[in-house]
Amino acid sequence: MMNVSYATVGEKKFAMIPVDEMAIDTTYQRMLRNRVRKMIAEWDYSKCDVLTVSFRDDKFYVVDGQHRYSAAKANGVKYLPCQVLENMTQKDEAKKFVEMNTLVCKLSPFDTFNANLLLGDKIDTTISKLANKYDLSIGEDKGIVNGQIGSLATCRRIVKKHGAECFDWVLRVLHEARWHEIKTGHSSRIMYMLFHFYANNKSDISFLTSNVISILRGTNPSLLTASARVMYPSLDGDTACE
């Protein structure tokens, strides 16, 4: 390990780590939130809690404290107080990242997605594989971007309850209807609608698929929802669409 002076408290090691020797492993780390901008603007070193880093491949990878690290770096800070973890693999770090952040604050589904891929989580691996199959991105924009799946929570529920076959059907129908070219085409509401249709008509789904695709090609998310509400005013938007 590089020349760093450590203080040991129990079984934990602490040190002032050079910011230039620290890095973020984006393989499993979440994207920076907007709140980092506020942290940069209101930076106060005295309020910076200890970060958790892992020494691997001659670098200190930030496991917990990405926003603090980024704000400090933007403000020209040279050293940060850190707890240093040793002998951890990239997968160990990903697991630690999820554990620490789950205990401290509620992570969004997207926060854990990349870490789960690295750890080999079956559900998220299935989602990633099928999203790639239909050239879809996965983000936190609620599906308002063309070709982007808008809700990981919905995807996870579909795969968990009805497996990869159902999720593949949902994405195939939307792809053949060309809804990947429409904003909100893969929103939570739309995917739930198709998920429930599949679940309720599974035995006849092969015969109904072409009709579903044809209907979707002749409309869009806004028109479909509006029409459903007119036809079934006593139901909420999601149920009416189903």
Protein backbone atom coordinates (compact mmCIF):
# COMPACT_ATOMS: atom_id res chain seq x y z
CA MET A 1 0.00 0.00 0.00
CA MET A 2 1.26 3.51 -0.78
CA ASN A 3 2.89 5.65 1.88
CA VAL A 4 -0.10 6.67 3.99
CA SER A 5 -0.15 7.05 7.77
CA TYR A 6 -2.94 5.07 9.41
CA ALA A 7 -4.72 5.29 12.73
CA THR A 8 -6.28 2.05 13.94
CA VAL A 9 -9.47 2.08 16.00
CA GLY A 10 -10.48 -1.43 16.97
CA GLU A 11 -10.32 -3.38 13.72
CA LYS A 12 -10.83 -0.31 11.53
CA LYS A 13 -8.14 1.71 9.74
CA PHE A 14 -8.43 5.45 9.18
CA ALA A 15 -6.24 7.87 7.24
CA MET A 16 -6.13 11.22 5.47
CA ILE A 17 -6.20 10.13 1.83
CA PRO A 18 -5.03 12.36 -1.05
CA VAL A 19 -8.04 13.26 -3.20
CA ASP A 20 -5.93 12.75 -6.32
CA GLU A 21 -5.41 9.10 -5.31
CA MET A 22 -9.15 8.46 -4.98
CA ALA A 23 -11.54 7.32 -7.70
CA ILE A 24 -15.12 6.21 -8.38
CA ASP A 25 -15.75 2.77 -9.86
CA THR A 26 -18.71 3.49 -12.14
CA THR A 27 -19.20 -0.21 -12.75
CA TYR A 28 -21.25 -0.43 -9.57
CA GLN A 29 -21.57 3.15 -8.31
CA ARG A 30 -24.73 5.16 -8.88
CA MET A 31 -24.80 8.31 -10.97
CA LEU A 32 -24.31 11.61 -9.16
CA ARG A 33 -27.51 13.21 -7.93
CA ASN A 34 -28.38 16.86 -8.41
CA ARG A 35 -27.72 17.47 -4.72
CA VAL A 36 -23.96 17.30 -5.37
CA ARG A 37 -24.25 20.74 -6.98
CA LYS A 38 -25.57 22.14 -3.72
CA MET A 39 -22.80 20.40 -1.81
CA ILE A 40 -20.21 21.98 -4.11
CA ALA A 41 -21.71 25.44 -3.70
CA GLU A 42 -22.07 25.13 0.10
CA TRP A 43 -18.91 23.12 0.77
CA ASP A 44 -17.85 23.13 4.44
CA TYR A 45 -14.90 20.90 5.28
CA SER A 46 -15.88 20.81 8.95
CA LYS A 47 -19.16 19.09 8.02
CA CYS A 48 -17.56 16.39 5.88
CA ASP A 49 -17.99 12.97 7.50
CA VAL A 50 -15.49 10.15 7.05
CA LEU A 51 -15.65 8.44 3.66
CA THR A 52 -15.22 4.70 3.16
CA VAL A 53 -12.67 3.69 0.54
CA SER A 54 -11.23 0.41 -0.70
CA PHE A 55 -7.54 0.19 -1.60
CA ARG A 56 -7.33 -1.82 -4.80
CA ASP A 57 -4.99 -1.71 -7.81
CA ASP A 58 -2.98 1.15 -6.28
CA LYS A 59 -6.08 3.33 -6.00
CA PHE A 60 -8.52 4.25 -3.25
CA TYR A 61 -12.00 3.53 -4.62
CA VAL A 62 -14.83 5.39 -2.89
CA VAL A 63 -17.36 2.87 -1.59
CA ASP A 64 -19.40 5.34 0.46
CA GLY A 65 -19.18 9.13 0.06
CA GLN A 66 -19.19 9.68 -3.70
CA HIS A 67 -20.99 13.03 -3.39
CA ARG A 68 -18.67 14.26 -0.64
CA TYR A 69 -15.64 13.22 -2.69
CA SER A 70 -16.93 14.96 -5.83
CA ALA A 71 -17.80 18.15 -3.94
CA ALA A 72 -14.42 18.20 -2.19
CA LYS A 73 -12.56 17.64 -5.47
CA ALA A 74 -14.50 20.46 -7.15
CA ASN A 75 -13.46 22.77 -4.31
CA GLY A 76 -9.78 21.92 -4.61
CA VAL A 77 -9.57 19.90 -1.37
CA LYS A 78 -6.30 17.95 -1.19
CA TYR A 79 -7.06 15.36 1.53
CA LEU A 80 -10.17 13.69 2.94
CA PRO A 81 -10.64 11.60 6.12
CA CYS A 82 -11.39 8.00 5.19
CA GLN A 83 -11.92 4.57 6.62
CA VAL A 84 -9.76 2.29 4.49
CA LEU A 85 -10.86 -1.22 3.58
CA GLU A 86 -8.27 -3.72 2.37
CA ASN A 87 -8.16 -6.95 0.37
CA MET A 88 -11.53 -6.37 -1.27
CA THR A 89 -12.44 -7.36 -4.81
CA GLN A 90 -14.62 -5.23 -7.06
CA LYS A 91 -17.56 -7.50 -6.22
CA ASP A 92 -16.84 -7.14 -2.49
CA GLU A 93 -16.98 -3.37 -2.93
CA ALA A 94 -20.26 -3.53 -4.84
CA LYS A 95 -21.81 -5.65 -2.08
CA LYS A 96 -20.51 -3.26 0.58
CA PHE A 97 -21.85 -0.28 -1.35
CA VAL A 98 -25.36 -1.73 -1.43
CA GLU A 99 -25.22 -2.78 2.24
CA MET A 100 -23.98 0.59 3.50
CA ASN A 101 -26.34 2.72 1.47
CA THR A 102 -29.35 0.53 2.21
CA LEU A 103 -28.73 0.95 5.93
CA VAL A 104 -28.15 4.71 5.72
CA CYS A 105 -30.83 5.74 3.22
CA LYS A 106 -33.34 4.18 0.89
CA LEU A 107 -31.72 3.57 -2.47
CA SER A 108 -33.69 3.95 -5.67
CA PRO A 109 -33.99 0.82 -7.83
CA PHE A 110 -31.54 2.37 -10.26
CA ASP A 111 -28.95 3.00 -7.52
CA THR A 112 -28.46 -0.73 -7.01
CA PHE A 113 -28.82 -1.83 -10.64
CA ASN A 114 -25.17 -1.72 -11.77
CA ALA A 115 -23.99 -3.22 -8.50
CA ASN A 116 -26.50 -6.05 -8.86
CA LEU A 117 -25.23 -6.77 -12.39
CA LEU A 118 -21.71 -7.08 -11.07
CA LEU A 119 -22.93 -9.38 -8.31
CA GLY A 120 -24.81 -11.56 -10.80
CA ASP A 121 -28.33 -10.82 -9.55
CA LYS A 122 -30.62 -12.96 -11.75
CA ILE A 123 -33.50 -10.48 -12.03
CA ASP A 124 -31.40 -7.43 -12.92
CA THR A 125 -29.20 -9.49 -15.23
CA THR A 126 -32.33 -10.63 -17.09
CA ILE A 127 -33.58 -7.05 -17.34
CA SER A 128 -30.24 -5.83 -18.68
CA LYS A 129 -29.97 -8.65 -21.22
CA LEU A 130 -33.46 -8.10 -22.62
CA ALA A 131 -33.13 -4.30 -22.61
CA ASN A 132 -29.97 -4.68 -24.69
CA LYS A 133 -31.79 -7.11 -27.00
CA TYR A 134 -34.27 -4.36 -27.92
CA ASP A 135 -31.65 -1.58 -27.82
CA LEU A 136 -33.24 0.12 -24.80
CA SER A 137 -31.50 2.20 -22.17
CA ILE A 138 -32.27 2.12 -18.46
CA GLY A 139 -32.40 5.41 -16.58
CA GLU A 140 -34.09 7.53 -13.98
CA ASP A 141 -36.12 9.71 -16.31
CA LYS A 142 -39.37 7.77 -15.78
CA GLY A 143 -39.41 6.67 -19.40
CA ILE A 144 -39.88 10.17 -20.82
CA VAL A 145 -36.89 9.69 -23.12
CA ASN A 146 -37.29 7.78 -26.38
CA GLY A 147 -36.09 4.21 -26.07
CA GLN A 148 -35.65 4.34 -22.31
CA ILE A 149 -37.23 2.00 -19.78
CA GLY A 150 -38.81 4.24 -17.19
CA SER A 151 -39.22 2.06 -14.13
CA LEU A 152 -36.82 -0.58 -12.86
CA ALA A 153 -39.26 -1.40 -10.07
CA THR A 154 -41.87 -2.33 -12.69
CA CYS A 155 -39.36 -4.40 -14.66
CA ARG A 156 -38.30 -6.26 -11.53
CA ARG A 157 -41.89 -7.01 -10.63
CA ILE A 158 -42.62 -8.38 -14.11
CA VAL A 159 -39.57 -10.64 -14.13
CA LYS A 160 -40.12 -11.78 -10.55
CA LYS A 161 -43.81 -12.66 -11.02
CA HIS A 162 -43.89 -14.00 -14.57
CA GLY A 163 -40.30 -14.51 -15.58
CA ALA A 164 -38.13 -13.50 -18.51
CA GLU A 165 -40.70 -14.73 -21.05
CA CYS A 166 -43.28 -12.16 -19.95
CA PHE A 167 -40.76 -9.32 -19.85
CA ASP A 168 -39.48 -10.29 -23.28
CA TRP A 169 -43.06 -10.26 -24.60
CA VAL A 170 -43.72 -6.78 -23.20
CA LEU A 171 -40.56 -5.38 -24.79
CA ARG A 172 -41.16 -7.19 -28.10
CA VAL A 173 -44.72 -5.85 -28.39
CA LEU A 174 -43.55 -2.29 -27.72
CA HIS A 175 -40.65 -2.68 -30.14
CA GLU A 176 -42.79 -4.04 -32.99
CA ALA A 177 -45.35 -1.30 -32.33
CA ARG A 178 -42.41 1.14 -32.60
CA TRP A 179 -43.15 2.67 -29.24
CA HIS A 180 -39.43 2.86 -28.56
CA GLU A 181 -39.62 5.89 -30.86
CA ILE A 182 -42.25 7.56 -28.66
CA LYS A 183 -41.65 9.44 -25.42
CA THR A 184 -43.21 7.61 -22.45
CA GLY A 185 -43.47 4.52 -24.67
CA HIS A 186 -41.82 2.46 -21.93
CA SER A 187 -43.21 4.27 -18.90
CA SER A 188 -44.29 2.41 -15.79
CA ARG A 189 -47.99 2.78 -16.71
CA ILE A 190 -47.54 1.31 -20.19
CA MET A 191 -45.42 -1.60 -19.02
CA TYR A 192 -47.84 -2.41 -16.20
CA MET A 193 -50.69 -2.39 -18.70
CA LEU A 194 -48.99 -4.96 -20.92
CA PHE A 195 -47.77 -6.97 -17.95
CA HIS A 196 -51.32 -7.39 -16.63
CA PHE A 197 -52.67 -8.13 -20.11
CA TYR A 198 -50.11 -10.91 -20.48
CA ALA A 199 -50.89 -12.33 -17.02
CA ASN A 200 -54.65 -12.32 -17.66
CA ASN A 201 -54.41 -13.83 -21.14
CA LYS A 202 -51.34 -16.04 -20.91
CA SER A 203 -53.00 -19.13 -22.40
CA ASP A 204 -54.06 -17.20 -25.53
CA ILE A 205 -51.19 -14.73 -25.71
CA SER A 206 -49.71 -16.12 -28.96
CA PHE A 207 -53.02 -15.50 -30.74
CA LEU A 208 -53.56 -12.05 -29.23
CA THR A 209 -50.08 -10.61 -29.73
CA SER A 210 -50.53 -9.41 -33.31
CA ASN A 211 -53.79 -7.66 -32.34
CA VAL A 212 -52.12 -5.89 -29.42
CA ILE A 213 -49.29 -4.70 -31.67
CA SER A 214 -51.78 -3.47 -34.27
CA ILE A 215 -53.75 -1.51 -31.66
CA LEU A 216 -50.62 0.11 -30.27
CA ARG A 217 -49.40 1.10 -33.73
CA GLY A 218 -52.58 3.08 -34.23
CA THR A 219 -52.29 5.13 -31.06
CA ASN A 220 -49.81 6.55 -28.56
CA PRO A 221 -49.50 6.55 -24.74
CA SER A 222 -51.48 9.77 -24.24
CA LEU A 223 -54.32 8.81 -26.57
CA LEU A 224 -54.52 5.29 -25.19
CA THR A 225 -54.81 6.52 -21.61
CA ALA A 226 -57.32 9.23 -22.53
CA SER A 227 -59.50 6.79 -24.50
CA ALA A 228 -59.45 4.28 -21.67
CA ARG A 229 -60.56 6.89 -19.16
CA VAL A 230 -63.47 7.93 -21.39
CA MET A 231 -64.58 4.33 -21.84
CA TYR A 232 -64.13 3.40 -18.15
CA PRO A 233 -64.54 6.66 -16.15
CA SER A 234 -64.95 4.81 -12.84
CA LEU A 235 -61.47 3.27 -13.09
CA ASP A 236 -58.08 4.85 -12.59
CA GLY A 237 -55.76 5.29 -15.59
CA ASP A 238 -53.78 2.06 -15.21
CA THR A 239 -56.80 -0.18 -14.64
CA ALA A 240 -58.77 1.44 -17.45
CA CYS A 241 -55.93 0.81 -19.92
CA GLU A 242 -55.84 -2.86 -18.96
